[in-house]
C-alpha atoms as a PDB file:
ATOM      1  CA  MET A   1       0.000   0.000   0.000  1.00  0.00           C
ATOM      2  CA  ALA A   2       1.221   3.492  -0.815  1.00  0.00           C
ATOM      3  CA  VAL A   3       2.239   5.771   2.022  1.00  0.00           C
ATOM      4  CA  THR A   4       0.762   9.274   1.919  1.00  0.00           C
ATOM      5  CA  VAL A   5       3.279  11.700   3.335  1.00  0.00           C
ATOM      6  CA  PRO A   6       1.695  14.371   5.580  1.00  0.00           C
ATOM      7  CA  HIS A   7       1.824  17.924   4.303  1.00  0.00           C
ATOM      8  CA  PRO A   8       4.729  19.851   5.833  1.00  0.00           C
ATOM      9  CA  ALA A   9       4.044  23.030   7.799  1.00  0.00           C
ATOM     10  CA  ARG A  10       5.612  25.223   5.103  1.00  0.00           C
ATOM     11  CA  ASP A  11       3.944  25.725   1.755  1.00  0.00           C
ATOM     12  CA  PRO A  12       4.815  22.870  -0.621  1.00  0.00           C
ATOM     13  CA  ILE A  13       6.914  23.658  -3.655  1.00  0.00           C
ATOM     14  CA  VAL A  14       6.324  20.149  -5.028  1.00  0.00           C
ATOM     15  CA  ARG A  15       3.019  18.326  -4.620  1.00  0.00           C
ATOM     16  CA  PHE A  16       2.174  14.882  -6.019  1.00  0.00           C
ATOM     17  CA  ALA A  17      -1.390  13.604  -5.715  1.00  0.00           C
ATOM     18  CA  ASP A  18      -1.861   9.930  -6.694  1.00  0.00           C
ATOM     19  CA  VAL A  19       0.743  10.197  -9.449  1.00  0.00           C
ATOM     20  CA  HIS A  20       1.187   7.270 -11.819  1.00  0.00           C
ATOM     21  CA  LEU A  21       3.725   6.880 -14.598  1.00  0.00           C
ATOM     22  CA  ASP A  22       3.374   4.062 -17.132  1.00  0.00           C
ATOM     23  CA  MET A  23       5.890   3.515 -19.907  1.00  0.00           C
ATOM     24  CA  ALA A  24       5.976   1.096 -22.815  1.00  0.00           C
ATOM     25  CA  SER A  25       8.722  -1.516 -23.012  1.00  0.00           C
ATOM     26  CA  ASP A  26       9.487  -4.567 -25.143  1.00  0.00           C
ATOM     27  CA  ALA A  27       7.711  -6.650 -22.491  1.00  0.00           C
ATOM     28  CA  GLY A  28       4.630  -4.408 -22.538  1.00  0.00           C
ATOM     29  CA  MET A  29       3.472  -1.517 -20.352  1.00  0.00           C
ATOM     30  CA  VAL A  30       5.505  -0.994 -17.170  1.00  0.00           C
ATOM     31  CA  ASN A  31       4.039   0.717 -14.110  1.00  0.00           C
ATOM     32  CA  ILE A  32       6.965   2.811 -12.900  1.00  0.00           C
ATOM     33  CA  LEU A  33       5.198   5.112 -10.414  1.00  0.00           C
ATOM     34  CA  ARG A  34       2.127   3.475  -8.908  1.00  0.00           C
ATOM     35  CA  GLY A  35       0.243   6.147  -6.989  1.00  0.00           C
ATOM     36  CA  ILE A  36       2.604   8.540  -5.236  1.00  0.00           C
ATOM     37  CA  SER A  37       1.240  11.304  -3.029  1.00  0.00           C
ATOM     38  CA  LEU A  38       3.670  13.616  -1.266  1.00  0.00           C
ATOM     39  CA  ASP A  39       4.458  17.240  -0.494  1.00  0.00           C
ATOM     40  CA  ILE A  40       7.930  18.763  -0.340  1.00  0.00           C
ATOM     41  CA  ALA A  41       8.169  22.105   1.421  1.00  0.00           C
ATOM     42  CA  ALA A  42       9.931  25.192   0.153  1.00  0.00           C
ATOM     43  CA  GLY A  43      13.498  25.263   1.441  1.00  0.00           C
ATOM     44  CA  GLU A  44      13.523  21.583   2.374  1.00  0.00           C
ATOM     45  CA  ILE A  45      16.441  19.309   1.461  1.00  0.00           C
ATOM     46  CA  THR A  46      15.058  15.852   0.730  1.00  0.00           C
ATOM     47  CA  ALA A  47      16.922  12.665  -0.119  1.00  0.00           C
ATOM     48  CA  VAL A  48      15.189  10.039  -2.241  1.00  0.00           C
ATOM     49  CA  VAL A  49      16.597   6.557  -1.682  1.00  0.00           C
ATOM     50  CA  GLY A  50      15.698   3.051  -2.770  1.00  0.00           C
ATOM     51  CA  PRO A  51      16.894   0.118  -4.867  1.00  0.00           C
ATOM     52  CA  SER A  52      17.708   0.374  -8.555  1.00  0.00           C
ATOM     53  CA  GLY A  53      14.546   0.432 -10.628  1.00  0.00           C
ATOM     54  CA  ALA A  54      12.406   1.643  -7.722  1.00  0.00           C
ATOM     55  CA  GLY A  55      11.326   4.794  -9.585  1.00  0.00           C
ATOM     56  CA  LYS A  56      13.612   7.396  -7.987  1.00  0.00           C
ATOM     57  CA  SER A  57      14.851   8.986 -11.213  1.00  0.00           C
ATOM     58  CA  SER A  58      11.375   8.787 -12.730  1.00  0.00           C
ATOM     59  CA  LEU A  59       9.983  10.691  -9.756  1.00  0.00           C
ATOM     60  CA  MET A  60      12.574  13.402 -10.342  1.00  0.00           C
ATOM     61  CA  MET A  61      11.860  13.513 -14.081  1.00  0.00           C
ATOM     62  CA  VAL A  62       8.153  13.956 -13.409  1.00  0.00           C
ATOM     63  CA  ALA A  63       8.835  16.673 -10.820  1.00  0.00           C
ATOM     64  CA  GLY A  64      11.015  18.464 -13.338  1.00  0.00           C
ATOM     65  CA  GLY A  65       8.428  18.247 -16.102  1.00  0.00           C
ATOM     66  CA  LEU A  66      10.770  16.096 -18.166  1.00  0.00           C
ATOM     67  CA  GLU A  67       8.298  13.198 -18.101  1.00  0.00           C
ATOM     68  CA  ARG A  68       4.532  13.633 -18.165  1.00  0.00           C
ATOM     69  CA  ALA A  69       2.602  11.718 -15.498  1.00  0.00           C
ATOM     70  CA  THR A  70       0.150   9.176 -16.874  1.00  0.00           C
ATOM     71  CA  SER A  71      -2.400  10.173 -14.247  1.00  0.00           C
ATOM     72  CA  GLY A  72      -2.643  12.124 -11.025  1.00  0.00           C
ATOM     73  CA  ARG A  73      -1.768  15.745 -10.326  1.00  0.00           C
ATOM     74  CA  VAL A  74       1.726  17.242 -10.222  1.00  0.00           C
ATOM     75  CA  GLU A  75       2.206  20.798  -8.946  1.00  0.00           C
ATOM     76  CA  VAL A  76       5.606  22.488  -9.017  1.00  0.00           C
ATOM     77  CA  VAL A  77       6.200  26.057  -7.768  1.00  0.00           C
ATOM     78  CA  GLY A  78       2.447  26.498  -7.645  1.00  0.00           C
ATOM     79  CA  ARG A  79       1.816  25.392 -11.241  1.00  0.00           C
ATOM     80  CA  ASP A  80      -0.205  22.373 -12.278  1.00  0.00           C
ATOM     81  CA  LEU A  81       2.031  20.654 -14.835  1.00  0.00           C
ATOM     82  CA  GLY A  82      -0.820  18.683 -16.382  1.00  0.00           C
ATOM     83  CA  PRO A  83      -2.145  21.339 -18.812  1.00  0.00           C
ATOM     84  CA  LEU A  84       1.299  22.689 -19.756  1.00  0.00           C
ATOM     85  CA  ASP A  85       2.699  21.881 -23.186  1.00  0.00           C
ATOM     86  CA  ASP A  86       6.390  21.147 -23.732  1.00  0.00           C
ATOM     87  CA  ASP A  87       7.290  24.802 -24.342  1.00  0.00           C
ATOM     88  CA  ALA A  88       5.544  25.953 -21.171  1.00  0.00           C
ATOM     89  CA  ARG A  89       7.289  23.235 -19.164  1.00  0.00           C
ATOM     90  CA  ALA A  90      10.641  24.311 -20.607  1.00  0.00           C
ATOM     91  CA  ARG A  91       9.962  27.908 -19.582  1.00  0.00           C
ATOM     92  CA  LEU A  92       9.023  26.804 -16.073  1.00  0.00           C
ATOM     93  CA  ARG A  93      12.309  24.864 -15.785  1.00  0.00           C
ATOM     94  CA  ARG A  94      14.238  27.848 -17.138  1.00  0.00           C
ATOM     95  CA  ASP A  95      12.661  30.273 -14.691  1.00  0.00           C
ATOM     96  CA  HIS A  96      12.366  28.195 -11.519  1.00  0.00           C
ATOM     97  CA  LEU A  97      14.389  24.945 -11.647  1.00  0.00           C
ATOM     98  CA  GLY A  98      17.997  23.825 -11.673  1.00  0.00           C
ATOM     99  CA  ILE A  99      18.993  20.250 -12.526  1.00  0.00           C
ATOM    100  CA  VAL A 100      22.251  18.395 -11.877  1.00  0.00           C
ATOM    101  CA  PHE A 101      22.672  14.916 -13.351  1.00  0.00           C
ATOM    102  CA  GLN A 102      25.235  12.188 -12.737  1.00  0.00           C
ATOM    103  CA  GLY A 103      26.662  12.950 -16.175  1.00  0.00           C
ATOM    104  CA  PHE A 104      27.819  16.531 -16.450  1.00  0.00           C
ATOM    105  CA  HIS A 105      25.877  17.361 -19.645  1.00  0.00           C
ATOM    106  CA  LEU A 106      28.175  20.226 -20.591  1.00  0.00           C
ATOM    107  CA  ILE A 107      28.402  21.352 -24.211  1.00  0.00           C
ATOM    108  CA  PRO A 108      31.936  20.342 -25.258  1.00  0.00           C
ATOM    109  CA  THR A 109      32.401  23.186 -27.758  1.00  0.00           C
ATOM    110  CA  MET A 110      31.580  25.860 -25.168  1.00  0.00           C
ATOM    111  CA  THR A 111      33.808  27.198 -22.412  1.00  0.00           C
ATOM    112  CA  ALA A 112      32.842  26.900 -18.757  1.00  0.00           C
ATOM    113  CA  LEU A 113      31.657  30.499 -18.864  1.00  0.00           C
ATOM    114  CA  GLU A 114      29.552  29.921 -21.988  1.00  0.00           C
ATOM    115  CA  ASN A 115      28.018  26.732 -20.537  1.00  0.00           C
ATOM    116  CA  VAL A 116      26.904  28.529 -17.387  1.00  0.00           C
ATOM    117  CA  ALA A 117      25.667  31.614 -19.255  1.00  0.00           C
ATOM    118  CA  LEU A 118      23.569  29.581 -21.713  1.00  0.00           C
ATOM    119  CA  PRO A 119      20.334  29.277 -19.675  1.00  0.00           C
ATOM    120  CA  LEU A 120      20.445  33.007 -18.931  1.00  0.00           C
ATOM    121  CA  GLU A 121      20.925  33.771 -22.616  1.00  0.00           C
ATOM    122  CA  PHE A 122      17.830  31.673 -23.370  1.00  0.00           C
ATOM    123  CA  ALA A 123      16.027  33.873 -20.845  1.00  0.00           C
ATOM    124  CA  ASP A 124      17.291  37.008 -22.648  1.00  0.00           C
ATOM    125  CA  ARG A 125      19.235  38.155 -19.600  1.00  0.00           C
ATOM    126  CA  GLY A 126      21.512  41.025 -20.554  1.00  0.00           C
ATOM    127  CA  ASP A 127      23.867  40.202 -17.687  1.00  0.00           C
ATOM    128  CA  ALA A 128      24.230  36.520 -18.616  1.00  0.00           C
ATOM    129  CA  PHE A 129      28.030  36.466 -18.742  1.00  0.00           C
ATOM    130  CA  GLU A 130      28.513  38.635 -15.674  1.00  0.00           C
ATOM    131  CA  ALA A 131      26.170  36.371 -13.682  1.00  0.00           C
ATOM    132  CA  ALA A 132      27.873  33.246 -15.077  1.00  0.00           C
ATOM    133  CA  GLN A 133      31.292  34.518 -14.034  1.00  0.00           C
ATOM    134  CA  ALA A 134      30.005  35.261 -10.527  1.00  0.00           C
ATOM    135  CA  ALA A 135      28.503  31.756 -10.319  1.00  0.00           C
ATOM    136  CA  LEU A 136      31.765  30.126 -11.399  1.00  0.00           C
ATOM    137  CA  GLU A 137      33.719  32.201  -8.909  1.00  0.00           C
ATOM    138  CA  ARG A 138      31.291  31.083  -6.221  1.00  0.00           C
ATOM    139  CA  VAL A 139      32.057  27.413  -6.932  1.00  0.00           C
ATOM    140  CA  GLY A 140      35.807  28.055  -6.971  1.00  0.00           C
ATOM    141  CA  LEU A 141      36.315  28.105 -10.739  1.00  0.00           C
ATOM    142  CA  GLY A 142      36.972  31.773 -11.389  1.00  0.00           C
ATOM    143  CA  HIS A 143      40.325  30.736 -12.865  1.00  0.00           C
ATOM    144  CA  ARG A 144      38.709  28.293 -15.324  1.00  0.00           C
ATOM    145  CA  LEU A 145      36.317  30.589 -17.177  1.00  0.00           C
ATOM    146  CA  THR A 146      37.785  30.054 -20.634  1.00  0.00           C
ATOM    147  CA  HIS A 147      38.508  26.331 -20.283  1.00  0.00           C
ATOM    148  CA  TYR A 148      36.520  23.768 -22.256  1.00  0.00           C
ATOM    149  CA  PRO A 149      35.008  20.673 -20.566  1.00  0.00           C
ATOM    150  CA  ALA A 150      37.755  18.405 -21.928  1.00  0.00           C
ATOM    151  CA  GLN A 151      40.310  20.610 -20.163  1.00  0.00           C
ATOM    152  CA  LEU A 152      38.601  20.186 -16.782  1.00  0.00           C
ATOM    153  CA  SER A 153      38.679  17.326 -14.290  1.00  0.00           C
ATOM    154  CA  GLY A 154      35.491  15.432 -13.488  1.00  0.00           C
ATOM    155  CA  GLY A 155      35.061  17.359 -10.263  1.00  0.00           C
ATOM    156  CA  GLU A 156      35.558  20.663 -12.053  1.00  0.00           C
ATOM    157  CA  GLN A 157      33.032  19.701 -14.730  1.00  0.00           C
ATOM    158  CA  GLN A 158      30.446  18.894 -12.062  1.00  0.00           C
ATOM    159  CA  ARG A 159      31.176  22.239 -10.376  1.00  0.00           C
ATOM    160  CA  VAL A 160      30.432  23.916 -13.705  1.00  0.00           C
ATOM    161  CA  ALA A 161      27.170  21.943 -13.829  1.00  0.00           C
ATOM    162  CA  VAL A 162      26.348  23.086 -10.280  1.00  0.00           C
ATOM    163  CA  ALA A 163      27.104  26.706 -11.205  1.00  0.00           C
ATOM    164  CA  ARG A 164      24.828  26.367 -14.256  1.00  0.00           C
ATOM    165  CA  ALA A 165      22.044  24.905 -12.094  1.00  0.00           C
ATOM    166  CA  PHE A 166      22.256  27.757  -9.574  1.00  0.00           C
ATOM    167  CA  VAL A 167      23.000  30.695 -11.871  1.00  0.00           C
ATOM    168  CA  GLY A 168      19.318  31.547 -12.328  1.00  0.00           C
ATOM    169  CA  ARG A 169      18.686  31.354  -8.561  1.00  0.00           C
ATOM    170  CA  PRO A 170      16.150  28.505  -8.885  1.00  0.00           C
ATOM    171  CA  LYS A 171      13.473  27.808  -6.309  1.00  0.00           C
ATOM    172  CA  LEU A 172      13.851  24.061  -6.850  1.00  0.00           C
ATOM    173  CA  LEU A 173      17.032  22.076  -7.477  1.00  0.00           C
ATOM    174  CA  LEU A 174      16.899  18.462  -8.649  1.00  0.00           C
ATOM    175  CA  ALA A 175      20.069  16.375  -8.329  1.00  0.00           C
ATOM    176  CA  ASP A 176      20.220  12.787  -9.605  1.00  0.00           C
ATOM    177  CA  GLU A 177      23.273  10.944  -8.212  1.00  0.00           C
ATOM    178  CA  PRO A 178      25.419  14.056  -8.778  1.00  0.00           C
ATOM    179  CA  THR A 179      28.563  12.395  -7.410  1.00  0.00           C
ATOM    180  CA  GLY A 180      28.115   9.069  -9.204  1.00  0.00           C
ATOM    181  CA  ASN A 181      31.010   9.712 -11.626  1.00  0.00           C
ATOM    182  CA  LEU A 182      33.358  11.198  -9.011  1.00  0.00           C
ATOM    183  CA  ASP A 183      35.787   9.718  -6.506  1.00  0.00           C
ATOM    184  CA  GLY A 184      34.871   9.888  -2.829  1.00  0.00           C
ATOM    185  CA  ALA A 185      36.829  12.991  -1.865  1.00  0.00           C
ATOM    186  CA  THR A 186      35.764  14.963  -4.945  1.00  0.00           C
ATOM    187  CA  GLY A 187      32.170  13.832  -4.519  1.00  0.00           C
ATOM    188  CA  LYS A 188      32.151  15.093  -0.932  1.00  0.00           C
ATOM    189  CA  GLN A 189      33.436  18.481  -2.073  1.00  0.00           C
ATOM    190  CA  VAL A 190      30.694  18.735  -4.689  1.00  0.00           C
ATOM    191  CA  MET A 191      27.996  17.741  -2.191  1.00  0.00           C
ATOM    192  CA  ASP A 192      29.305  20.180   0.422  1.00  0.00           C
ATOM    193  CA  LEU A 193      28.980  22.844  -2.255  1.00  0.00           C
ATOM    194  CA  LEU A 194      25.450  21.779  -3.220  1.00  0.00           C
ATOM    195  CA  PHE A 195      24.246  21.837   0.386  1.00  0.00           C
ATOM    196  CA  GLU A 196      25.955  25.166   1.044  1.00  0.00           C
ATOM    197  CA  LEU A 197      24.438  26.834  -2.016  1.00  0.00           C
ATOM    198  CA  ALA A 198      20.969  25.383  -1.445  1.00  0.00           C
ATOM    199  CA  ARG A 199      20.849  26.579   2.146  1.00  0.00           C
ATOM    200  CA  ALA A 200      22.331  29.984   1.296  1.00  0.00           C
ATOM    201  CA  GLU A 201      19.744  30.526  -1.450  1.00  0.00           C
ATOM    202  CA  GLY A 202      16.823  29.017   0.471  1.00  0.00           C
ATOM    203  CA  ALA A 203      16.307  26.636  -2.450  1.00  0.00           C
ATOM    204  CA  THR A 204      14.495  23.335  -2.197  1.00  0.00           C
ATOM    205  CA  LEU A 205      16.804  20.416  -3.041  1.00  0.00           C
ATOM    206  CA  ILE A 206      15.626  16.947  -4.032  1.00  0.00           C
ATOM    207  CA  LEU A 207      18.624  14.620  -4.040  1.00  0.00           C
ATOM    208  CA  ILE A 208      18.552  11.100  -5.448  1.00  0.00           C
ATOM    209  CA  THR A 209      21.322   9.064  -3.869  1.00  0.00           C
ATOM    210  CA  HIS A 210      22.321   5.531  -2.922  1.00  0.00           C
ATOM    211  CA  ASP A 211      24.688   6.860  -0.227  1.00  0.00           C
ATOM    212  CA  MET A 212      22.884   6.683   3.127  1.00  0.00           C
ATOM    213  CA  ALA A 213      25.549   8.763   4.869  1.00  0.00           C
ATOM    214  CA  LEU A 214      24.802  11.513   2.368  1.00  0.00           C
ATOM    215  CA  ALA A 215      21.038  11.035   2.715  1.00  0.00           C
ATOM    216  CA  GLU A 216      21.317  11.470   6.472  1.00  0.00           C
ATOM    217  CA  ARG A 217      22.730  14.973   5.956  1.00  0.00           C
ATOM    218  CA  CYS A 218      19.376  15.979   4.435  1.00  0.00           C
ATOM    219  CA  ASP A 219      16.315  17.269   6.274  1.00  0.00           C
ATOM    220  CA  ARG A 220      14.237  14.307   5.209  1.00  0.00           C
ATOM    221  CA  ILE A 221      14.604  10.868   3.650  1.00  0.00           C
ATOM    222  CA  LEU A 222      11.936   9.466   1.322  1.00  0.00           C
ATOM    223  CA  ARG A 223      12.213   5.749   0.625  1.00  0.00           C
ATOM    224  CA  ILE A 224      10.921   4.510  -2.730  1.00  0.00           C
ATOM    225  CA  ALA A 225      10.278   0.871  -3.612  1.00  0.00           C
ATOM    226  CA  ASP A 226       8.337  -0.598  -6.540  1.00  0.00           C
ATOM    227  CA  GLY A 227       7.076   2.818  -7.591  1.00  0.00           C
ATOM    228  CA  LEU A 228       5.657   3.700  -4.157  1.00  0.00           C
ATOM    229  CA  VAL A 229       6.730   5.835  -1.218  1.00  0.00           C
ATOM    230  CA  VAL A 230       7.273   3.279   1.553  1.00  0.00           C
ATOM    231  CA  GLY A 231       8.980   5.464   4.142  1.00  0.00           C
ATOM    232  CA  ASP A 232       9.293   9.087   5.181  1.00  0.00           C
ATOM    233  CA  GLU A 233      11.776  10.065   7.880  1.00  0.00           C
ATOM    234  CA  ARG A 234      12.560  13.543   9.128  1.00  0.00           C
ATOM    235  CA  MET A 235      16.117  13.871  10.344  1.00  0.00           C
ATOM    236  CA  PRO A 236      17.065  15.222  13.794  1.00  0.00           C
ATOM    237  CA  GLN A 237      18.647  18.377  12.390  1.00  0.00           C
ATOM    238  CA  ALA A 238      15.404  19.245  10.580  1.00  0.00           C
ATOM    239  CA  LEU A 239      13.265  18.556  13.662  1.00  0.00           C
ATOM    240  CA  ALA A 240      15.593  20.688  15.787  1.00  0.00           C
ATOM    241  CA  ALA A 241      15.188  23.600  13.382  1.00  0.00           C
ATOM    242  CA  GLN A 242      11.385  23.581  13.576  1.00  0.00           C
END
């Protein structure tokens, strides 16, 4: 049976109501999300954990408007995603969301500065390059502005991706195994940076991870299994802050 997570005291920035996601496969239709209802509050840092194939990444893709729920209601930053077409969803991501994937997803023919400035250029921001430089300086890469991805280490590339995710000051940040391609020490540095930036900006962070030590640094841990929320735990540091 699905677990319905109680609404947090703060206004939710993400709300799922009986969300299902079905996708076709060679073996037929697969029920990936099977009736998820949950609220995630503004400013909350939430880890999503569970076995491979449980639906963690699919939950994030639906929350980011990158996959369309088969049924149920998805609200993000106060908008019902259901009626929005692809262009409207892209604008919502541009204006309110930042996304960090396990792969860095940098454009190889663009410098670090150009990669970070790109979403602001799409938004017709006249200060795109000034803001991108400030974002790169904030993640410790002010000396790498003109370097291309192939000239950067894995950790540096992920820092560029973090700068790009934060440059528009998003209300919601989605991170899917952001340290999966990094060694332990570099991964810790990147996560320290993510937590620091999220808390400094008051952004909501949804973090998909298999690392329970990392999950326990979050305000809340959601456990996903077989397309359902099967556990919801608020961490002591979050309870102490209430």
